[in-house]
Full PDB file with SEQRES, HELIX, SHEET, SSBOND, CRYST1, ORIGX, SCALE, CONECT and MASTER records, all heavy atoms in Angstrom:
SEQRES   1 A   37  LEU ALA VAL ILE PHE VAL ALA ALA THR LEU LEU GLY PHE          
SEQRES   2 A   37  ALA SER HIS SER PRO GLY GLY LEU GLY VAL PHE ASP ALA          
SEQRES   3 A   37  ALA MET LEU VAL ALA LEU TRP GLN PHE GLU LYS                  
HELIX    1 AA1 ALA A    2  SER A   15  1                                  14    
HELIX    2 AA2 PRO A   18  GLY A   20  5                                   3    
HELIX    3 AA3 VAL A   23  ALA A   31  1                                   9    
CRYST1    1.000    1.000    1.000  90.00  90.00  90.00 P 1           1          
ORIGX1      1.000000  0.000000  0.000000        0.00000                         
ORIGX2      0.000000  1.000000  0.000000        0.00000                         
ORIGX3      0.000000  0.000000  1.000000        0.00000                         
SCALE1      1.000000  0.000000  0.000000        0.00000                         
SCALE2      0.000000  1.000000  0.000000        0.00000                         
SCALE3      0.000000  0.000000  1.000000        0.00000                         
ATOM      1  N   LEU A   1      37.806  89.973  41.799  1.00  0.00           N  
ATOM      2  CA  LEU A   1      39.217  89.820  41.457  1.00  0.00           C  
ATOM      3  C   LEU A   1      39.427  89.872  39.948  1.00  0.00           C  
ATOM      4  O   LEU A   1      40.385  90.477  39.464  1.00  0.00           O  
ATOM      5  CB  LEU A   1      39.738  88.497  42.039  1.00  0.00           C  
ATOM      6  CG  LEU A   1      41.238  88.153  41.978  1.00  0.00           C  
ATOM      7  CD1 LEU A   1      41.663  87.631  40.649  1.00  0.00           C  
ATOM      8  CD2 LEU A   1      42.091  89.348  42.387  1.00  0.00           C  
ATOM      9  N   ALA A   2      38.501  89.254  39.185  1.00  0.00           N  
ATOM     10  CA  ALA A   2      38.637  89.230  37.723  1.00  0.00           C  
ATOM     11  C   ALA A   2      38.558  90.640  37.150  1.00  0.00           C  
ATOM     12  O   ALA A   2      39.333  91.008  36.253  1.00  0.00           O  
ATOM     13  CB  ALA A   2      37.564  88.345  37.108  1.00  0.00           C  
ATOM     14  N   VAL A   3      37.627  91.455  37.660  1.00  0.00           N  
ATOM     15  CA  VAL A   3      37.495  92.841  37.180  1.00  0.00           C  
ATOM     16  C   VAL A   3      38.769  93.622  37.475  1.00  0.00           C  
ATOM     17  O   VAL A   3      39.304  94.329  36.609  1.00  0.00           O  
ATOM     18  CB  VAL A   3      36.280  93.527  37.827  1.00  0.00           C  
ATOM     19  CG1 VAL A   3      36.290  95.028  37.535  1.00  0.00           C  
ATOM     20  CG2 VAL A   3      34.988  92.902  37.311  1.00  0.00           C  
ATOM     21  N   ILE A   4      39.275  93.499  38.686  1.00  0.00           N  
ATOM     22  CA  ILE A   4      40.504  94.209  39.064  1.00  0.00           C  
ATOM     23  C   ILE A   4      41.681  93.725  38.219  1.00  0.00           C  
ATOM     24  O   ILE A   4      42.482  94.528  37.726  1.00  0.00           O  
ATOM     25  CB  ILE A   4      40.795  93.999  40.568  1.00  0.00           C  
ATOM     26  CG1 ILE A   4      39.726  94.715  41.401  1.00  0.00           C  
ATOM     27  CG2 ILE A   4      42.185  94.499  40.933  1.00  0.00           C  
ATOM     28  CD1 ILE A   4      39.799  94.418  42.885  1.00  0.00           C  
ATOM     29  N   PHE A   5      41.769  92.424  38.029  1.00  0.00           N  
ATOM     30  CA  PHE A   5      42.878  91.848  37.257  1.00  0.00           C  
ATOM     31  C   PHE A   5      42.849  92.337  35.811  1.00  0.00           C  
ATOM     32  O   PHE A   5      43.877  92.768  35.271  1.00  0.00           O  
ATOM     33  CB  PHE A   5      42.797  90.320  37.301  1.00  0.00           C  
ATOM     34  CG  PHE A   5      43.782  89.641  36.398  1.00  0.00           C  
ATOM     35  CD1 PHE A   5      45.086  89.434  36.817  1.00  0.00           C  
ATOM     36  CD2 PHE A   5      43.407  89.203  35.138  1.00  0.00           C  
ATOM     37  CE1 PHE A   5      46.005  88.812  35.979  1.00  0.00           C  
ATOM     38  CE2 PHE A   5      44.312  88.575  34.302  1.00  0.00           C  
ATOM     39  CZ  PHE A   5      45.614  88.383  34.717  1.00  0.00           C  
ATOM     40  N   VAL A   6      41.686  92.266  35.162  1.00  0.00           N  
ATOM     41  CA  VAL A   6      41.597  92.678  33.755  1.00  0.00           C  
ATOM     42  C   VAL A   6      41.870  94.176  33.615  1.00  0.00           C  
ATOM     43  O   VAL A   6      42.578  94.602  32.701  1.00  0.00           O  
ATOM     44  CB  VAL A   6      40.216  92.309  33.177  1.00  0.00           C  
ATOM     45  CG1 VAL A   6      40.063  92.876  31.768  1.00  0.00           C  
ATOM     46  CG2 VAL A   6      40.046  90.795  33.153  1.00  0.00           C  
ATOM     47  N   ALA A   7      41.320  94.984  34.521  1.00  0.00           N  
ATOM     48  CA  ALA A   7      41.561  96.424  34.465  1.00  0.00           C  
ATOM     49  C   ALA A   7      43.045  96.742  34.666  1.00  0.00           C  
ATOM     50  O   ALA A   7      43.610  97.587  33.960  1.00  0.00           O  
ATOM     51  CB  ALA A   7      40.725  97.132  35.522  1.00  0.00           C  
ATOM     52  N   ALA A   8      43.684  96.066  35.608  1.00  0.00           N  
ATOM     53  CA  ALA A   8      45.117  96.278  35.836  1.00  0.00           C  
ATOM     54  C   ALA A   8      45.936  95.836  34.631  1.00  0.00           C  
ATOM     55  O   ALA A   8      46.921  96.485  34.255  1.00  0.00           O  
ATOM     56  CB  ALA A   8      45.555  95.513  37.084  1.00  0.00           C  
ATOM     57  N   THR A   9      45.513  94.745  33.992  1.00  0.00           N  
ATOM     58  CA  THR A   9      46.209  94.264  32.798  1.00  0.00           C  
ATOM     59  C   THR A   9      46.112  95.276  31.669  1.00  0.00           C  
ATOM     60  O   THR A   9      47.093  95.527  30.955  1.00  0.00           O  
ATOM     61  CB  THR A   9      45.620  92.915  32.345  1.00  0.00           C  
ATOM     62  OG1 THR A   9      45.755  91.957  33.399  1.00  0.00           O  
ATOM     63  CG2 THR A   9      46.332  92.395  31.109  1.00  0.00           C  
ATOM     64  N   LEU A  10      44.935  95.856  31.488  1.00  0.00           N  
ATOM     65  CA  LEU A  10      44.761  96.855  30.430  1.00  0.00           C  
ATOM     66  C   LEU A  10      45.583  98.112  30.699  1.00  0.00           C  
ATOM     67  O   LEU A  10      46.115  98.723  29.772  1.00  0.00           O  
ATOM     68  CB  LEU A  10      43.281  97.210  30.290  1.00  0.00           C  
ATOM     69  CG  LEU A  10      42.385  96.115  29.713  1.00  0.00           C  
ATOM     70  CD1 LEU A  10      40.952  96.606  29.596  1.00  0.00           C  
ATOM     71  CD2 LEU A  10      42.893  95.657  28.357  1.00  0.00           C  
ATOM     72  N   LEU A  11      45.685  98.504  31.966  1.00  0.00           N  
ATOM     73  CA  LEU A  11      46.556  99.640  32.293  1.00  0.00           C  
ATOM     74  C   LEU A  11      48.005  99.331  31.949  1.00  0.00           C  
ATOM     75  O   LEU A  11      48.727 100.174  31.405  1.00  0.00           O  
ATOM     76  CB  LEU A  11      46.423  99.990  33.775  1.00  0.00           C  
ATOM     77  CG  LEU A  11      45.166 100.756  34.195  1.00  0.00           C  
ATOM     78  CD1 LEU A  11      45.113 100.889  35.713  1.00  0.00           C  
ATOM     79  CD2 LEU A  11      45.144 102.138  33.549  1.00  0.00           C  
ATOM     80  N   GLY A  12      48.440  98.116  32.265  1.00  0.00           N  
ATOM     81  CA  GLY A  12      49.792  97.711  31.901  1.00  0.00           C  
ATOM     82  C   GLY A  12      49.981  97.682  30.402  1.00  0.00           C  
ATOM     83  O   GLY A  12      51.032  98.080  29.881  1.00  0.00           O  
ATOM     84  N   PHE A  13      48.959  97.234  29.688  1.00  0.00           N  
ATOM     85  CA  PHE A  13      49.015  97.201  28.227  1.00  0.00           C  
ATOM     86  C   PHE A  13      49.119  98.609  27.661  1.00  0.00           C  
ATOM     87  O   PHE A  13      49.870  98.868  26.717  1.00  0.00           O  
ATOM     88  CB  PHE A  13      47.781  96.481  27.685  1.00  0.00           C  
ATOM     89  CG  PHE A  13      47.764  96.305  26.199  1.00  0.00           C  
ATOM     90  CD1 PHE A  13      48.474  95.280  25.603  1.00  0.00           C  
ATOM     91  CD2 PHE A  13      47.027  97.163  25.395  1.00  0.00           C  
ATOM     92  CE1 PHE A  13      48.465  95.107  24.235  1.00  0.00           C  
ATOM     93  CE2 PHE A  13      47.013  97.003  24.012  1.00  0.00           C  
ATOM     94  CZ  PHE A  13      47.730  95.969  23.434  1.00  0.00           C  
ATOM     95  N   ALA A  14      48.368  99.546  28.244  1.00  0.00           N  
ATOM     96  CA  ALA A  14      48.383 100.930  27.767  1.00  0.00           C  
ATOM     97  C   ALA A  14      49.730 101.598  27.997  1.00  0.00           C  
ATOM     98  O   ALA A  14      50.120 102.503  27.252  1.00  0.00           O  
ATOM     99  CB  ALA A  14      47.282 101.735  28.451  1.00  0.00           C  
ATOM    100  N   SER A  15      50.450 101.157  29.021  1.00  0.00           N  
ATOM    101  CA  SER A  15      51.747 101.760  29.323  1.00  0.00           C  
ATOM    102  C   SER A  15      52.836 101.331  28.351  1.00  0.00           C  
ATOM    103  O   SER A  15      53.875 101.980  28.237  1.00  0.00           O  
ATOM    104  CB  SER A  15      52.173 101.391  30.746  1.00  0.00           C  
ATOM    105  OG  SER A  15      52.542 100.016  30.818  1.00  0.00           O  
ATOM    106  N   HIS A  16      52.624 100.203  27.659  1.00  0.00           N  
ATOM    107  CA  HIS A  16      53.606  99.631  26.732  1.00  0.00           C  
ATOM    108  C   HIS A  16      54.899  99.222  27.428  1.00  0.00           C  
ATOM    109  O   HIS A  16      55.909  98.975  26.765  1.00  0.00           O  
ATOM    110  CB  HIS A  16      53.938 100.606  25.593  1.00  0.00           C  
ATOM    111  CG  HIS A  16      52.782 100.869  24.676  1.00  0.00           C  
ATOM    112  ND1 HIS A  16      52.279  99.918  23.825  1.00  0.00           N  
ATOM    113  CD2 HIS A  16      52.005 101.980  24.506  1.00  0.00           C  
ATOM    114  CE1 HIS A  16      51.257 100.425  23.147  1.00  0.00           C  
ATOM    115  NE2 HIS A  16      51.065 101.663  23.557  1.00  0.00           N  
ATOM    116  N   SER A  17      54.894  99.164  28.749  1.00  0.00           N  
ATOM    117  CA  SER A  17      56.076  98.676  29.452  1.00  0.00           C  
ATOM    118  C   SER A  17      56.104  97.154  29.349  1.00  0.00           C  
ATOM    119  O   SER A  17      55.059  96.518  29.262  1.00  0.00           O  
ATOM    120  CB  SER A  17      56.050  99.097  30.920  1.00  0.00           C  
ATOM    121  OG  SER A  17      54.952  98.500  31.589  1.00  0.00           O  
ATOM    122  N   PRO A  18      57.290  96.558  29.323  1.00  0.00           N  
ATOM    123  CA  PRO A  18      57.384  95.098  29.192  1.00  0.00           C  
ATOM    124  C   PRO A  18      56.590  94.387  30.284  1.00  0.00           C  
ATOM    125  O   PRO A  18      56.858  94.548  31.470  1.00  0.00           O  
ATOM    126  CB  PRO A  18      58.888  94.830  29.325  1.00  0.00           C  
ATOM    127  CG  PRO A  18      59.537  96.099  28.896  1.00  0.00           C  
ATOM    128  CD  PRO A  18      58.612  97.189  29.362  1.00  0.00           C  
ATOM    129  N   GLY A  19      55.609  93.592  29.870  1.00  0.00           N  
ATOM    130  CA  GLY A  19      54.800  92.856  30.825  1.00  0.00           C  
ATOM    131  C   GLY A  19      53.988  93.752  31.742  1.00  0.00           C  
ATOM    132  O   GLY A  19      53.533  93.300  32.796  1.00  0.00           O  
ATOM    133  N   GLY A  20      53.786  95.017  31.329  1.00  0.00           N  
ATOM    134  CA  GLY A  20      53.078  95.955  32.203  1.00  0.00           C  
ATOM    135  C   GLY A  20      53.795  96.153  33.518  1.00  0.00           C  
ATOM    136  O   GLY A  20      53.158  96.485  34.537  1.00  0.00           O  
ATOM    137  N   LEU A  21      55.111  95.937  33.507  1.00  0.00           N  
ATOM    138  CA  LEU A  21      55.901  95.963  34.736  1.00  0.00           C  
ATOM    139  C   LEU A  21      55.742  97.289  35.468  1.00  0.00           C  
ATOM    140  O   LEU A  21      55.934  98.363  34.910  1.00  0.00           O  
ATOM    141  CB  LEU A  21      57.377  95.731  34.404  1.00  0.00           C  
ATOM    142  CG  LEU A  21      58.326  95.558  35.595  1.00  0.00           C  
ATOM    143  CD1 LEU A  21      57.942  94.333  36.399  1.00  0.00           C  
ATOM    144  CD2 LEU A  21      59.768  95.452  35.108  1.00  0.00           C  
ATOM    145  N   GLY A  22      55.378  97.200  36.725  1.00  0.00           N  
ATOM    146  CA  GLY A  22      55.189  98.375  37.559  1.00  0.00           C  
ATOM    147  C   GLY A  22      53.766  98.876  37.523  1.00  0.00           C  
ATOM    148  O   GLY A  22      53.155  99.120  38.574  1.00  0.00           O  
ATOM    149  N   VAL A  23      53.201  99.010  36.329  1.00  0.00           N  
ATOM    150  CA  VAL A  23      51.848  99.542  36.190  1.00  0.00           C  
ATOM    151  C   VAL A  23      50.816  98.522  36.665  1.00  0.00           C  
ATOM    152  O   VAL A  23      49.933  98.832  37.476  1.00  0.00           O  
ATOM    153  CB  VAL A  23      51.575  99.948  34.727  1.00  0.00           C  
ATOM    154  CG1 VAL A  23      50.161 100.488  34.581  1.00  0.00           C  
ATOM    155  CG2 VAL A  23      52.589 100.977  34.267  1.00  0.00           C  
ATOM    156  N   PHE A  24      50.909  97.302  36.147  1.00  0.00           N  
ATOM    157  CA  PHE A  24      50.008  96.231  36.570  1.00  0.00           C  
ATOM    158  C   PHE A  24      50.106  96.003  38.079  1.00  0.00           C  
ATOM    159  O   PHE A  24      49.097  95.908  38.776  1.00  0.00           O  
ATOM    160  CB  PHE A  24      50.357  94.954  35.812  1.00  0.00           C  
ATOM    161  CG  PHE A  24      49.690  93.714  36.343  1.00  0.00           C  
ATOM    162  CD1 PHE A  24      48.372  93.430  36.014  1.00  0.00           C  
ATOM    163  CD2 PHE A  24      50.378  92.836  37.167  1.00  0.00           C  
ATOM    164  CE1 PHE A  24      47.743  92.287  36.499  1.00  0.00           C  
ATOM    165  CE2 PHE A  24      49.766  91.698  37.665  1.00  0.00           C  
ATOM    166  CZ  PHE A  24      48.444  91.428  37.340  1.00  0.00           C  
ATOM    167  N   ASP A  25      51.330  95.955  38.575  1.00  0.00           N  
ATOM    168  CA  ASP A  25      51.548  95.675  39.993  1.00  0.00           C  
ATOM    169  C   ASP A  25      50.997  96.795  40.876  1.00  0.00           C  
ATOM    170  O   ASP A  25      50.386  96.534  41.923  1.00  0.00           O  
ATOM    171  CB  ASP A  25      53.042  95.483  40.251  1.00  0.00           C  
ATOM    172  CG  ASP A  25      53.669  94.521  39.262  1.00  0.00           C  
ATOM    173  OD1 ASP A  25      53.660  93.309  39.506  1.00  0.00           O  
ATOM    174  OD2 ASP A  25      54.146  94.993  38.212  1.00  0.00           O  
ATOM    175  N   ALA A  26      51.215  98.053  40.449  1.00  0.00           N  
ATOM    176  CA  ALA A  26      50.714  99.185  41.236  1.00  0.00           C  
ATOM    177  C   ALA A  26      49.188  99.161  41.299  1.00  0.00           C  
ATOM    178  O   ALA A  26      48.592  99.394  42.358  1.00  0.00           O  
ATOM    179  CB  ALA A  26      51.202 100.494  40.618  1.00  0.00           C  
ATOM    180  N   ALA A  27      48.545  98.867  40.164  1.00  0.00           N  
ATOM    181  CA  ALA A  27      47.082  98.821  40.147  1.00  0.00           C  
ATOM    182  C   ALA A  27      46.553  97.716  41.053  1.00  0.00           C  
ATOM    183  O   ALA A  27      45.564  97.909  41.776  1.00  0.00           O  
ATOM    184  CB  ALA A  27      46.590  98.609  38.708  1.00  0.00           C  
ATOM    185  N   MET A  28      47.195  96.575  41.042  1.00  0.00           N  
ATOM    186  CA  MET A  28      46.759  95.461  41.889  1.00  0.00           C  
ATOM    187  C   MET A  28      46.951  95.798  43.364  1.00  0.00           C  
ATOM    188  O   MET A  28      46.088  95.504  44.204  1.00  0.00           O  
ATOM    189  CB  MET A  28      47.531  94.193  41.525  1.00  0.00           C  
ATOM    190  CG  MET A  28      47.250  93.643  40.139  1.00  0.00           C  
ATOM    191  SD  MET A  28      45.590  92.953  39.969  1.00  0.00           S  
ATOM    192  CE  MET A  28      45.758  91.417  40.884  1.00  0.00           C  
ATOM    193  N   LEU A  29      48.063  96.412  43.685  1.00  0.00           N  
ATOM    194  CA  LEU A  29      48.332  96.763  45.083  1.00  0.00           C  
ATOM    195  C   LEU A  29      47.347  97.808  45.603  1.00  0.00           C  
ATOM    196  O   LEU A  29      46.925  97.761  46.757  1.00  0.00           O  
ATOM    197  CB  LEU A  29      49.765  97.278  45.222  1.00  0.00           C  
ATOM    198  CG  LEU A  29      50.869  96.214  45.139  1.00  0.00           C  
ATOM    199  CD1 LEU A  29      52.231  96.869  44.960  1.00  0.00           C  
ATOM    200  CD2 LEU A  29      50.867  95.345  46.399  1.00  0.00           C  
ATOM    201  N   VAL A  30      46.973  98.750  44.739  1.00  0.00           N  
ATOM    202  CA  VAL A  30      46.022  99.786  45.150  1.00  0.00           C  
ATOM    203  C   VAL A  30      44.628  99.204  45.315  1.00  0.00           C  
ATOM    204  O   VAL A  30      43.931  99.466  46.311  1.00  0.00           O  
ATOM    205  CB  VAL A  30      46.012 100.937  44.123  1.00  0.00           C  
ATOM    206  CG1 VAL A  30      44.846 101.887  44.383  1.00  0.00           C  
ATOM    207  CG2 VAL A  30      47.326 101.706  44.183  1.00  0.00           C  
ATOM    208  N   ALA A  31      44.205  98.399  44.332  1.00  0.00           N  
ATOM    209  CA  ALA A  31      42.834  97.884  44.345  1.00  0.00           C  
ATOM    210  C   ALA A  31      42.620  96.819  45.420  1.00  0.00           C  
ATOM    211  O   ALA A  31      41.545  96.738  46.017  1.00  0.00           O  
ATOM    212  CB  ALA A  31      42.477  97.319  42.968  1.00  0.00           C  
ATOM    213  N   LEU A  32      43.638  96.008  45.673  1.00  0.00           N  
ATOM    214  CA  LEU A  32      43.505  94.932  46.663  1.00  0.00           C  
ATOM    215  C   LEU A  32      44.132  95.375  47.987  1.00  0.00           C  
ATOM    216  O   LEU A  32      44.989  94.695  48.566  1.00  0.00           O  
ATOM    217  CB  LEU A  32      44.177  93.656  46.133  1.00  0.00           C  
ATOM    218  CG  LEU A  32      43.569  93.102  44.838  1.00  0.00           C  
ATOM    219  CD1 LEU A  32      44.379  91.920  44.326  1.00  0.00           C  
ATOM    220  CD2 LEU A  32      42.113  92.695  45.059  1.00  0.00           C  
ATOM    221  N   TRP A  33      43.678  96.502  48.470  1.00  0.00           N  
ATOM    222  CA  TRP A  33      44.235  97.116  49.684  1.00  0.00           C  
ATOM    223  C   TRP A  33      43.981  96.286  50.925  1.00  0.00           C  
ATOM    224  O   TRP A  33      44.667  96.425  51.941  1.00  0.00           O  
ATOM    225  CB  TRP A  33      43.620  98.494  49.875  1.00  0.00           C  
ATOM    226  CG  TRP A  33      42.117  98.455  49.868  1.00  0.00           C  
ATOM    227  CD1 TRP A  33      41.303  98.622  48.783  1.00  0.00           C  
ATOM    228  CD2 TRP A  33      41.260  98.185  50.977  1.00  0.00           C  
ATOM    229  NE1 TRP A  33      39.983  98.480  49.134  1.00  0.00           N  
ATOM    230  CE2 TRP A  33      39.918  98.209  50.487  1.00  0.00           C  
ATOM    231  CE3 TRP A  33      41.460  97.925  52.331  1.00  0.00           C  
ATOM    232  CZ2 TRP A  33      38.818  97.981  51.309  1.00  0.00           C  
ATOM    233  CZ3 TRP A  33      40.360  97.702  53.150  1.00  0.00           C  
ATOM    234  CH2 TRP A  33      39.058  97.727  52.646  1.00  0.00           C  
ATOM    235  N   GLN A  34      42.973  95.391  50.888  1.00  0.00           N  
ATOM    236  CA  GLN A  34      42.596  94.638  52.080  1.00  0.00           C  
ATOM    237  C   GLN A  34      43.583  93.539  52.437  1.00  0.00           C  
ATOM    238  O   GLN A  34      43.547  92.999  53.542  1.00  0.00           O  
ATOM    239  CB  GLN A  34      41.190  94.037  51.917  1.00  0.00           C  
ATOM    240  CG  GLN A  34      41.050  93.066  50.752  1.00  0.00           C  
ATOM    241  CD  GLN A  34      40.595  93.753  49.478  1.00  0.00           C  
ATOM    242  OE1 GLN A  34      41.239  94.680  49.014  1.00  0.00           O  
ATOM    243  NE2 GLN A  34      39.481  93.297  48.926  1.00  0.00           N  
ATOM    244  N   PHE A  35      44.490  93.197  51.511  1.00  0.00           N  
ATOM    245  CA  PHE A  35      45.464  92.138  51.780  1.00  0.00           C  
ATOM    246  C   PHE A  35      46.748  92.712  52.376  1.00  0.00           C  
ATOM    247  O   PHE A  35      47.076  93.896  52.141  1.00  0.00           O  
ATOM    248  CB  PHE A  35      45.813  91.385  50.499  1.00  0.00           C  
ATOM    249  CG  PHE A  35      44.669  90.612  49.903  1.00  0.00           C  
ATOM    250  CD1 PHE A  35      44.260  90.838  48.603  1.00  0.00           C  
ATOM    251  CD2 PHE A  35      43.994  89.652  50.647  1.00  0.00           C  
ATOM    252  CE1 PHE A  35      43.214  90.133  48.055  1.00  0.00           C  
ATOM    253  CE2 PHE A  35      42.937  88.945  50.111  1.00  0.00           C  
ATOM    254  CZ  PHE A  35      42.546  89.178  48.804  1.00  0.00           C  
ATOM    255  N   GLU A  36      47.458  91.869  53.108  1.00  0.00           N  
ATOM    256  CA  GLU A  36      48.792  92.250  53.570  1.00  0.00           C  
ATOM    257  C   GLU A  36      49.695  92.453  52.355  1.00  0.00           C  
ATOM    258  O   GLU A  36      49.714  91.625  51.433  1.00  0.00           O  
ATOM    259  CB  GLU A  36      49.374  91.162  54.469  1.00  0.00           C  
ATOM    260  CG  GLU A  36      48.666  91.014  55.806  1.00  0.00           C  
ATOM    261  CD  GLU A  36      48.945  92.186  56.731  1.00  0.00           C  
ATOM    262  OE1 GLU A  36      49.980  92.858  56.539  1.00  0.00           O  
ATOM    263  OE2 GLU A  36      48.121  92.433  57.638  1.00  0.00           O  
ATOM    264  N   LYS A  37      50.435  93.559  52.342  1.00  0.00           N  
ATOM    265  CA  LYS A  37      51.239  93.896  51.169  1.00  0.00           C  
ATOM    266  C   LYS A  37      52.258  92.813  50.829  1.00  0.00           C  
ATOM    267  O   LYS A  37      52.454  92.464  49.658  1.00  0.00           O  
ATOM    268  CB  LYS A  37      51.952  95.233  51.394  1.00  0.00           C  
ATOM    269  CG  LYS A  37      51.019  96.431  51.461  1.00  0.00           C  
ATOM    270  CD  LYS A  37      51.806  97.710  51.703  1.00  0.00           C  
ATOM    271  CE  LYS A  37      50.870  98.902  51.847  1.00  0.00           C  
ATOM    272  NZ  LYS A  37      51.620 100.149  52.127  1.00  0.00           N  
TER     273      LYS A  37                                                      
MASTER        0    0    0    3    0    0    0    6  272    1    0    3          
END                                                                             
């Protein structure tokens, strides 16, 4: 979870969107596919 979280955070940071909005969430949803959406 920590690896996925940090990687998703960096993607959000790279997007420069406020709070990584959309980018962070999309990465988490893709990587944590095993959970109910």
